[in-house]
Amino acid sequence: MPSTFQNAFVPNEIGIHPPKYRLPADAHVGRVRLAVSNLGRSLTFYSRVIGLSILNHGQSFAQLGARGSKEVLLELDEVAGVTPITRRSRLGLYHTAFLLPTRKDLSSFVRHLVAQKIDFGSGDHLYSEALYLTDPDGLSVEVYADRPRETWTYEGREIVSATNPVRFGELPQVAEDSWQGAPTGTTVGHVHMYIGDLDKAAAFYNGVLGLDIVTWRYPGALFASAGGYHHHIGLNIWAEGSPPSSAEDARLLFWELVLPSEREREQLLASLREAGYTSTRLANGTPCATDPWGITVALVITDPVAGKTEIRNG
């Protein structure tokens, strides 16, 4: 990390805190919307391979979520003229990461992939165990389970990350037919982006958006979060030199940052204005902001009574 961020440490807490506005601990990632080239093909992948349930399905747009839940996790928008991309060829989305409730669920998912003869990668990141797949448009997908926070590794205020082999034999034993789709409680745990410059990324995601940087010594990457989580946002320069995603590319249209109140959203919008960023709105009126590489974050709020996020289909 650049030396300008060293004074942002707060004693006895995790991470490099923002110099001004800081997100509340219960802020988290909401739904993700993708532009895809063929809706039917993408629906087949995300429902049959990833295990999401189809909640709403139109001619060119669909919403998916976990089994037994009405909460939307993923939206697929078939956009005319969009074509698939190749690995590390565009700045923008690296992967959408679906967090399963337990390691037992992850073990069931592994059995499902093996039974279906589906290729996947994997990594043990110390705080989580993850599987990696690629959707029909070349966009990466992570499915993972966290280890208990008390087992995470820290060096000072930094959460230590690694990419070690997953010990599949140490996952909980489950029946071969135990996978019945993404279970209730599955969420979008984080999103991970290809960006062009780590200093600029820190200036936006930490200095303006208000996330804590919790891991900064993993090669070529920063990991940022609210509430001491290992990361809600991953930022890496592993596709440095590639152009940002364009209107002709399969890509991330936006991801949601869920805030607990309208007051908190107004504070974040004020942080954006103070830093010289102009907020815009989605078609449904939801305020949003765009980072230096054209990645859009929609700012939504949770209804404190119902415990649900705003209704938003635009």
Foldseek 3Di string as FASTA:
>chain_A
DDPVQPVQDDPPAAFRWAPDAAAAQPKFWAAFEWADADVVQQCCCCCQQQFWDWQDDDPFKTFTHFPPDNGTHYIYGHDPLAAADAPLQAWAFQEFEKEAAALLQVLQSVLSCVVVVHDWDWWDFQQKTWIWDAGPRRHIYIYIYGDDPVRFDDDRNATGTDGDDDPSVPGDDDDSNPDNGRHPPIHRHATETADADPVLVCCPVRHQQNWGFRHDPDPFKTATHHNPDNHRYIYGNPSHPHAHDDPNYTHTPAIETEGADPVSVVVSCVSCVVVPWDWDADPQRFTWTAGPRRYIYTYWYADPVVRHIDDDDD
